[in-house]
């Protein structure tokens, strides 16, 4: 399991960006540890990398959300 700083670093974004993706619904909120920390798995990392790739191709975040919804990726 990864903490927010770790998943952000692997994806090349900041923890603030990850939290923003949570707020706008692009990335589901993960379960939290007993200490209250977000705990991410590999599926969350995969989703985050997909978001970043689509954004790098020039898609706006709304378009990214639509593209991921069409593919059924959660």
PDB file of N, CA and C in Angstrom:
ATOM      1  N   UNK A   1       0.828  -1.176   0.000  1.00  0.00           N
ATOM      2  CA  UNK A   1       0.000   0.000   0.000  1.00  0.00           C
ATOM      3  C   UNK A   1       0.883   1.254   0.000  1.00  0.00           C
ATOM      4  N   UNK A   2       0.391   2.263  -0.658  1.00  0.00           N
ATOM      5  CA  UNK A   2       1.141   3.510  -0.808  1.00  0.00           C
ATOM      6  C   UNK A   2       0.417   4.649  -0.107  1.00  0.00           C
ATOM      7  N   UNK A   3       1.180   5.573   0.448  1.00  0.00           N
ATOM      8  CA  UNK A   3       0.622   6.789   1.007  1.00  0.00           C
ATOM      9  C   UNK A   3       0.530   7.833  -0.094  1.00  0.00           C
ATOM     10  N   UNK A   4      -0.180   8.915   0.162  1.00  0.00           N
ATOM     11  CA  UNK A   4      -0.440   9.910  -0.879  1.00  0.00           C
ATOM     12  C   UNK A   4       0.847  10.486  -1.479  1.00  0.00           C
ATOM     13  N   UNK A   5       1.842  10.753  -0.655  1.00  0.00           N
ATOM     14  CA  UNK A   5       3.100  11.291  -1.171  1.00  0.00           C
ATOM     15  C   UNK A   5       3.813  10.305  -2.076  1.00  0.00           C
ATOM     16  N   UNK A   6       3.722   9.030  -1.734  1.00  0.00           N
ATOM     17  CA  UNK A   6       4.376   7.994  -2.530  1.00  0.00           C
ATOM     18  C   UNK A   6       3.694   7.815  -3.881  1.00  0.00           C
ATOM     19  N   UNK A   7       2.358   7.748  -3.884  1.00  0.00           N
ATOM     20  CA  UNK A   7       1.649   7.565  -5.151  1.00  0.00           C
ATOM     21  C   UNK A   7       1.809   8.790  -6.037  1.00  0.00           C
ATOM     22  N   UNK A   8       1.809   9.975  -5.424  1.00  0.00           N
ATOM     23  CA  UNK A   8       1.990  11.205  -6.188  1.00  0.00           C
ATOM     24  C   UNK A   8       3.360  11.219  -6.861  1.00  0.00           C
ATOM     25  N   UNK A   9       4.385  10.844  -6.113  1.00  0.00           N
ATOM     26  CA  UNK A   9       5.745  10.837  -6.666  1.00  0.00           C
ATOM     27  C   UNK A   9       5.864   9.848  -7.819  1.00  0.00           C
ATOM     28  N   UNK A  10       5.299   8.662  -7.658  1.00  0.00           N
ATOM     29  CA  UNK A  10       5.357   7.657  -8.726  1.00  0.00           C
ATOM     30  C   UNK A  10       4.650   8.134  -9.994  1.00  0.00           C
ATOM     31  N   UNK A  11       3.585   8.910  -9.833  1.00  0.00           N
ATOM     32  CA  UNK A  11       2.822   9.389 -10.988  1.00  0.00           C
ATOM     33  C   UNK A  11       3.336  10.718 -11.529  1.00  0.00           C
ATOM     34  N   UNK A  12       4.263  11.333 -10.824  1.00  0.00           N
ATOM     35  CA  UNK A  12       4.815  12.602 -11.292  1.00  0.00           C
ATOM     36  C   UNK A  12       3.917  13.795 -11.036  1.00  0.00           C
ATOM     37  N   UNK A  13       3.130  13.721  -9.968  1.00  0.00           N
ATOM     38  CA  UNK A  13       2.260  14.827  -9.582  1.00  0.00           C
ATOM     39  C   UNK A  13       2.518  15.151  -8.115  1.00  0.00           C
ATOM     40  N   UNK A  14       1.809  16.137  -7.613  1.00  0.00           N
ATOM     41  CA  UNK A  14       1.918  16.488  -6.197  1.00  0.00           C
ATOM     42  C   UNK A  14       0.760  15.870  -5.418  1.00  0.00           C
ATOM     43  N   UNK A  15       0.911  15.727  -4.117  1.00  0.00           N
ATOM     44  CA  UNK A  15      -0.226  15.267  -3.303  1.00  0.00           C
ATOM     45  C   UNK A  15      -1.451  16.180  -3.453  1.00  0.00           C
ATOM     46  N   UNK A  16      -1.199  17.457  -3.647  1.00  0.00           N
ATOM     47  CA  UNK A  16      -2.310  18.396  -3.852  1.00  0.00           C
ATOM     48  C   UNK A  16      -3.113  18.031  -5.107  1.00  0.00           C
ATOM     49  N   UNK A  17      -2.418  17.633  -6.158  1.00  0.00           N
ATOM     50  CA  UNK A  17      -3.085  17.214  -7.389  1.00  0.00           C
ATOM     51  C   UNK A  17      -3.928  15.971  -7.148  1.00  0.00           C
ATOM     52  N   UNK A  18      -3.386  15.021  -6.402  1.00  0.00           N
ATOM     53  CA  UNK A  18      -4.135  13.804  -6.092  1.00  0.00           C
ATOM     54  C   UNK A  18      -5.407  14.152  -5.333  1.00  0.00           C
ATOM     55  N   UNK A  19      -5.300  15.050  -4.334  1.00  0.00           N
ATOM     56  CA  UNK A  19      -6.484  15.465  -3.577  1.00  0.00           C
ATOM     57  C   UNK A  19      -7.489  16.188  -4.485  1.00  0.00           C
ATOM     58  N   UNK A  20      -6.988  16.977  -5.437  1.00  0.00           N
ATOM     59  CA  UNK A  20      -7.879  17.658  -6.391  1.00  0.00           C
ATOM     60  C   UNK A  20      -8.640  16.631  -7.235  1.00  0.00           C
ATOM     61  N   UNK A  21      -7.949  15.605  -7.694  1.00  0.00           N
ATOM     62  CA  UNK A  21      -8.610  14.557  -8.474  1.00  0.00           C
ATOM     63  C   UNK A  21      -9.681  13.857  -7.640  1.00  0.00           C
ATOM     64  N   UNK A  22      -9.461  13.717  -6.335  1.00  0.00           N
ATOM     65  CA  UNK A  22     -10.494  13.169  -5.455  1.00  0.00           C
ATOM     66  C   UNK A  22     -11.712  14.089  -5.436  1.00  0.00           C
ATOM     67  N   UNK A  23     -11.463  15.380  -5.236  1.00  0.00           N
ATOM     68  CA  UNK A  23     -12.561  16.354  -5.116  1.00  0.00           C
ATOM     69  C   UNK A  23     -13.429  16.399  -6.370  1.00  0.00           C
ATOM     70  N   UNK A  24     -12.810  16.281  -7.553  1.00  0.00           N
ATOM     71  CA  UNK A  24     -13.599  16.384  -8.787  1.00  0.00           C
ATOM     72  C   UNK A  24     -14.085  15.028  -9.294  1.00  0.00           C
ATOM     73  N   UNK A  25     -13.779  13.960  -8.571  1.00  0.00           N
ATOM     74  CA  UNK A  25     -14.307  12.647  -8.902  1.00  0.00           C
ATOM     75  C   UNK A  25     -13.518  11.828  -9.915  1.00  0.00           C
ATOM     76  N   UNK A  26     -12.327  12.275 -10.269  1.00  0.00           N
ATOM     77  CA  UNK A  26     -11.519  11.495 -11.214  1.00  0.00           C
ATOM     78  C   UNK A  26     -10.865  10.291 -10.554  1.00  0.00           C
ATOM     79  N   UNK A  27     -10.593  10.405  -9.269  1.00  0.00           N
ATOM     80  CA  UNK A  27      -9.918   9.348  -8.528  1.00  0.00           C
ATOM     81  C   UNK A  27     -10.704   9.105  -7.245  1.00  0.00           C
ATOM     82  N   UNK A  28     -11.112   7.872  -7.045  1.00  0.00           N
ATOM     83  CA  UNK A  28     -11.904   7.539  -5.861  1.00  0.00           C
ATOM     84  C   UNK A  28     -11.076   7.706  -4.589  1.00  0.00           C
ATOM     85  N   UNK A  29     -11.748   8.120  -3.533  1.00  0.00           N
ATOM     86  CA  UNK A  29     -11.091   8.206  -2.224  1.00  0.00           C
ATOM     87  C   UNK A  29     -10.728   6.799  -1.768  1.00  0.00           C
ATOM     88  N   UNK A  30      -9.499   6.591  -1.347  1.00  0.00           N
ATOM     89  CA  UNK A  30      -9.094   5.258  -0.892  1.00  0.00           C
ATOM     90  C   UNK A  30      -9.500   5.027   0.563  1.00  0.00           C
ATOM     91  N   UNK A  31      -9.349   3.798   0.991  1.00  0.00           N
ATOM     92  CA  UNK A  31      -9.544   3.497   2.402  1.00  0.00           C
ATOM     93  C   UNK A  31      -8.440   4.194   3.182  1.00  0.00           C
ATOM     94  N   UNK A  32      -8.694   4.365   4.462  1.00  0.00           N
ATOM     95  CA  UNK A  32      -7.695   5.013   5.310  1.00  0.00           C
ATOM     96  C   UNK A  32      -7.140   4.030   6.324  1.00  0.00           C
ATOM     97  N   UNK A  33      -5.920   4.280   6.727  1.00  0.00           N
ATOM     98  CA  UNK A  33      -5.296   3.451   7.751  1.00  0.00           C
ATOM     99  C   UNK A  33      -5.918   3.783   9.098  1.00  0.00           C
ATOM    100  N   UNK A  34      -5.568   3.003  10.111  1.00  0.00           N
ATOM    101  CA  UNK A  34      -6.060   3.272  11.464  1.00  0.00           C
ATOM    102  C   UNK A  34      -5.632   4.665  11.933  1.00  0.00           C
ATOM    103  N   UNK A  35      -4.521   5.148  11.399  1.00  0.00           N
ATOM    104  CA  UNK A  35      -4.030   6.482  11.754  1.00  0.00           C
ATOM    105  C   UNK A  35      -4.652   7.599  10.932  1.00  0.00           C
ATOM    106  N   UNK A  36      -5.544   7.251   9.992  1.00  0.00           N
ATOM    107  CA  UNK A  36      -6.228   8.258   9.187  1.00  0.00           C
ATOM    108  C   UNK A  36      -5.548   8.617   7.879  1.00  0.00           C
ATOM    109  N   UNK A  37      -4.466   7.940   7.534  1.00  0.00           N
ATOM    110  CA  UNK A  37      -3.771   8.218   6.281  1.00  0.00           C
ATOM    111  C   UNK A  37      -4.443   7.497   5.117  1.00  0.00           C
ATOM    112  N   UNK A  38      -4.466   8.160   3.959  1.00  0.00           N
ATOM    113  CA  UNK A  38      -4.982   7.504   2.757  1.00  0.00           C
ATOM    114  C   UNK A  38      -4.029   6.372   2.373  1.00  0.00           C
ATOM    115  N   UNK A  39      -4.595   5.235   1.986  1.00  0.00           N
ATOM    116  CA  UNK A  39      -3.794   4.065   1.631  1.00  0.00           C
ATOM    117  C   UNK A  39      -4.189   3.609   0.229  1.00  0.00           C
ATOM    118  N   UNK A  40      -3.275   3.770  -0.725  1.00  0.00           N
ATOM    119  CA  UNK A  40      -3.542   3.500  -2.134  1.00  0.00           C
ATOM    120  C   UNK A  40      -2.963   2.162  -2.571  1.00  0.00           C
ATOM    121  N   UNK A  41      -3.681   1.490  -3.456  1.00  0.00           N
ATOM    122  CA  UNK A  41      -3.206   0.255  -4.054  1.00  0.00           C
ATOM    123  C   UNK A  41      -2.754   0.486  -5.481  1.00  0.00           C
ATOM    124  N   UNK A  42      -2.390  -0.587  -6.147  1.00  0.00           N
ATOM    125  CA  UNK A  42      -1.899  -0.494  -7.516  1.00  0.00           C
ATOM    126  C   UNK A  42      -2.981  -0.045  -8.496  1.00  0.00           C
ATOM    127  N   UNK A  43      -4.241  -0.368  -8.218  1.00  0.00           N
ATOM    128  CA  UNK A  43      -5.304   0.066  -9.127  1.00  0.00           C
ATOM    129  C   UNK A  43      -5.439   1.590  -9.111  1.00  0.00           C
ATOM    130  N   UNK A  44      -5.235   2.198  -7.952  1.00  0.00           N
ATOM    131  CA  UNK A  44      -5.283   3.661  -7.867  1.00  0.00           C
ATOM    132  C   UNK A  44      -4.107   4.267  -8.627  1.00  0.00           C
ATOM    133  N   UNK A  45      -2.941   3.654  -8.526  1.00  0.00           N
ATOM    134  CA  UNK A  45      -1.780   4.148  -9.271  1.00  0.00           C
ATOM    135  C   UNK A  45      -2.028   4.031 -10.771  1.00  0.00           C
ATOM    136  N   UNK A  46      -2.590   2.926 -11.204  1.00  0.00           N
ATOM    137  CA  UNK A  46      -2.897   2.743 -12.615  1.00  0.00           C
ATOM    138  C   UNK A  46      -3.870   3.818 -13.102  1.00  0.00           C
ATOM    139  N   UNK A  47      -4.907   4.072 -12.330  1.00  0.00           N
ATOM    140  CA  UNK A  47      -5.897   5.097 -12.681  1.00  0.00           C
ATOM    141  C   UNK A  47      -5.226   6.465 -12.757  1.00  0.00           C
ATOM    142  N   UNK A  48      -4.397   6.777 -11.783  1.00  0.00           N
ATOM    143  CA  UNK A  48      -3.721   8.069 -11.761  1.00  0.00           C
ATOM    144  C   UNK A  48      -2.806   8.230 -12.975  1.00  0.00           C
ATOM    145  N   UNK A  49      -2.117   7.182 -13.354  1.00  0.00           N
ATOM    146  CA  UNK A  49      -1.261   7.241 -14.539  1.00  0.00           C
ATOM    147  C   UNK A  49      -2.077   7.412 -15.817  1.00  0.00           C
ATOM    148  N   UNK A  50      -3.252   6.783 -15.871  1.00  0.00           N
ATOM    149  CA  UNK A  50      -4.135   6.963 -17.032  1.00  0.00           C
ATOM    150  C   UNK A  50      -4.613   8.407 -17.121  1.00  0.00           C
ATOM    151  N   UNK A  51      -4.981   8.978 -15.990  1.00  0.00           N
ATOM    152  CA  UNK A  51      -5.417  10.382 -15.958  1.00  0.00           C
ATOM    153  C   UNK A  51      -4.301  11.276 -16.476  1.00  0.00           C
ATOM    154  N   UNK A  52      -3.098  11.059 -15.986  1.00  0.00           N
ATOM    155  CA  UNK A  52      -1.955  11.878 -16.390  1.00  0.00           C
ATOM    156  C   UNK A  52      -1.660  11.732 -17.880  1.00  0.00           C
ATOM    157  N   UNK A  53      -1.741  10.515 -18.394  1.00  0.00           N
ATOM    158  CA  UNK A  53      -1.454  10.282 -19.813  1.00  0.00           C
ATOM    159  C   UNK A  53      -2.473  11.004 -20.692  1.00  0.00           C
ATOM    160  N   UNK A  54      -3.744  10.885 -20.350  1.00  0.00           N
ATOM    161  CA  UNK A  54      -4.780  11.547 -21.140  1.00  0.00           C
ATOM    162  C   UNK A  54      -4.649  13.068 -21.066  1.00  0.00           C
ATOM    163  N   UNK A  55      -4.322  13.582 -19.892  1.00  0.00           N
ATOM    164  CA  UNK A  55      -4.122  15.025 -19.747  1.00  0.00           C
ATOM    165  C   UNK A  55      -2.914  15.477 -20.571  1.00  0.00           C
ATOM    166  N   UNK A  56      -1.865  14.666 -20.595  1.00  0.00           N
ATOM    167  CA  UNK A  56      -0.669  14.999 -21.376  1.00  0.00           C
ATOM    168  C   UNK A  56      -0.958  15.018 -22.875  1.00  0.00           C
ATOM    169  N   UNK A  57      -1.969  14.276 -23.286  1.00  0.00           N
ATOM    170  CA  UNK A  57      -2.363  14.262 -24.701  1.00  0.00           C
ATOM    171  C   UNK A  57      -3.198  15.480 -25.072  1.00  0.00           C
ATOM    172  N   UNK A  58      -3.463  16.333 -24.086  1.00  0.00           N
ATOM    173  CA  UNK A  58      -4.177  17.574 -24.357  1.00  0.00           C
ATOM    174  C   UNK A  58      -5.631  17.591 -23.933  1.00  0.00           C
ATOM    175  N   UNK A  59      -6.088  16.533 -23.308  1.00  0.00           N
ATOM    176  CA  UNK A  59      -7.487  16.488 -22.855  1.00  0.00           C
ATOM    177  C   UNK A  59      -7.653  17.307 -21.582  1.00  0.00           C
ATOM    178  N   UNK A  60      -8.776  18.013 -21.500  1.00  0.00           N
ATOM    179  CA  UNK A  60      -9.134  18.680 -20.262  1.00  0.00           C
ATOM    180  C   UNK A  60      -9.620  17.635 -19.269  1.00  0.00           C
ATOM    181  N   UNK A  61      -9.691  17.997 -18.001  1.00  0.00           N
ATOM    182  CA  UNK A  61     -10.084  17.014 -16.989  1.00  0.00           C
ATOM    183  C   UNK A  61     -11.509  16.507 -17.185  1.00  0.00           C
ATOM    184  N   UNK A  62     -12.386  17.332 -17.710  1.00  0.00           N
ATOM    185  CA  UNK A  62     -13.740  16.877 -18.025  1.00  0.00           C
ATOM    186  C   UNK A  62     -13.733  15.825 -19.121  1.00  0.00           C
ATOM    187  N   UNK A  63     -12.898  16.046 -20.127  1.00  0.00           N
ATOM    188  CA  UNK A  63     -12.753  15.072 -21.207  1.00  0.00           C
ATOM    189  C   UNK A  63     -12.119  13.778 -20.707  1.00  0.00           C
ATOM    190  N   UNK A  64     -11.169  13.917 -19.792  1.00  0.00           N
ATOM    191  CA  UNK A  64     -10.540  12.740 -19.198  1.00  0.00           C
ATOM    192  C   UNK A  64     -11.591  11.910 -18.468  1.00  0.00           C
ATOM    193  N   UNK A  65     -12.437  12.576 -17.688  1.00  0.00           N
ATOM    194  CA  UNK A  65     -13.498  11.879 -16.955  1.00  0.00           C
ATOM    195  C   UNK A  65     -14.420  11.159 -17.928  1.00  0.00           C
ATOM    196  N   UNK A  66     -14.798  11.816 -19.013  1.00  0.00           N
ATOM    197  CA  UNK A  66     -15.668  11.182 -20.009  1.00  0.00           C
ATOM    198  C   UNK A  66     -14.989   9.984 -20.671  1.00  0.00           C
ATOM    199  N   UNK A  67     -13.726  10.128 -21.020  1.00  0.00           N
ATOM    200  CA  UNK A  67     -12.999   9.031 -21.671  1.00  0.00           C
ATOM    201  C   UNK A  67     -12.887   7.828 -20.739  1.00  0.00           C
ATOM    202  N   UNK A  68     -12.594   8.068 -19.482  1.00  0.00           N
ATOM    203  CA  UNK A  68     -12.475   6.960 -18.534  1.00  0.00           C
ATOM    204  C   UNK A  68     -13.827   6.317 -18.257  1.00  0.00           C
ATOM    205  N   UNK A  69     -14.876   7.120 -18.258  1.00  0.00           N
ATOM    206  CA  UNK A  69     -16.225   6.572 -18.055  1.00  0.00           C
ATOM    207  C   UNK A  69     -16.641   5.679 -19.230  1.00  0.00           C
ATOM    208  N   UNK A  70     -16.253   6.077 -20.434  1.00  0.00           N
ATOM    209  CA  UNK A  70     -16.600   5.296 -21.630  1.00  0.00           C
ATOM    210  C   UNK A  70     -15.899   3.948 -21.643  1.00  0.00           C
ATOM    211  N   UNK A  71     -14.708   3.877 -21.080  1.00  0.00           N
ATOM    212  CA  UNK A  71     -13.965   2.634 -21.067  1.00  0.00           C
ATOM    213  C   UNK A  71     -14.348   1.762 -19.878  1.00  0.00           C
ATOM    214  N   UNK A  72     -15.107   2.330 -18.949  1.00  0.00           N
ATOM    215  CA  UNK A  72     -15.525   1.577 -17.778  1.00  0.00           C
ATOM    216  C   UNK A  72     -14.441   1.462 -16.718  1.00  0.00           C
ATOM    217  N   UNK A  73     -13.388   2.227 -16.863  1.00  0.00           N
ATOM    218  CA  UNK A  73     -12.287   2.202 -15.905  1.00  0.00           C
ATOM    219  C   UNK A  73     -12.716   2.958 -14.667  1.00  0.00           C
ATOM    220  N   UNK A  74     -12.465   2.342 -13.503  1.00  0.00           N
ATOM    221  CA  UNK A  74     -12.854   3.001 -12.247  1.00  0.00           C
ATOM    222  C   UNK A  74     -11.666   3.341 -11.423  1.00  0.00           C
TER     223      UNK A  74
END
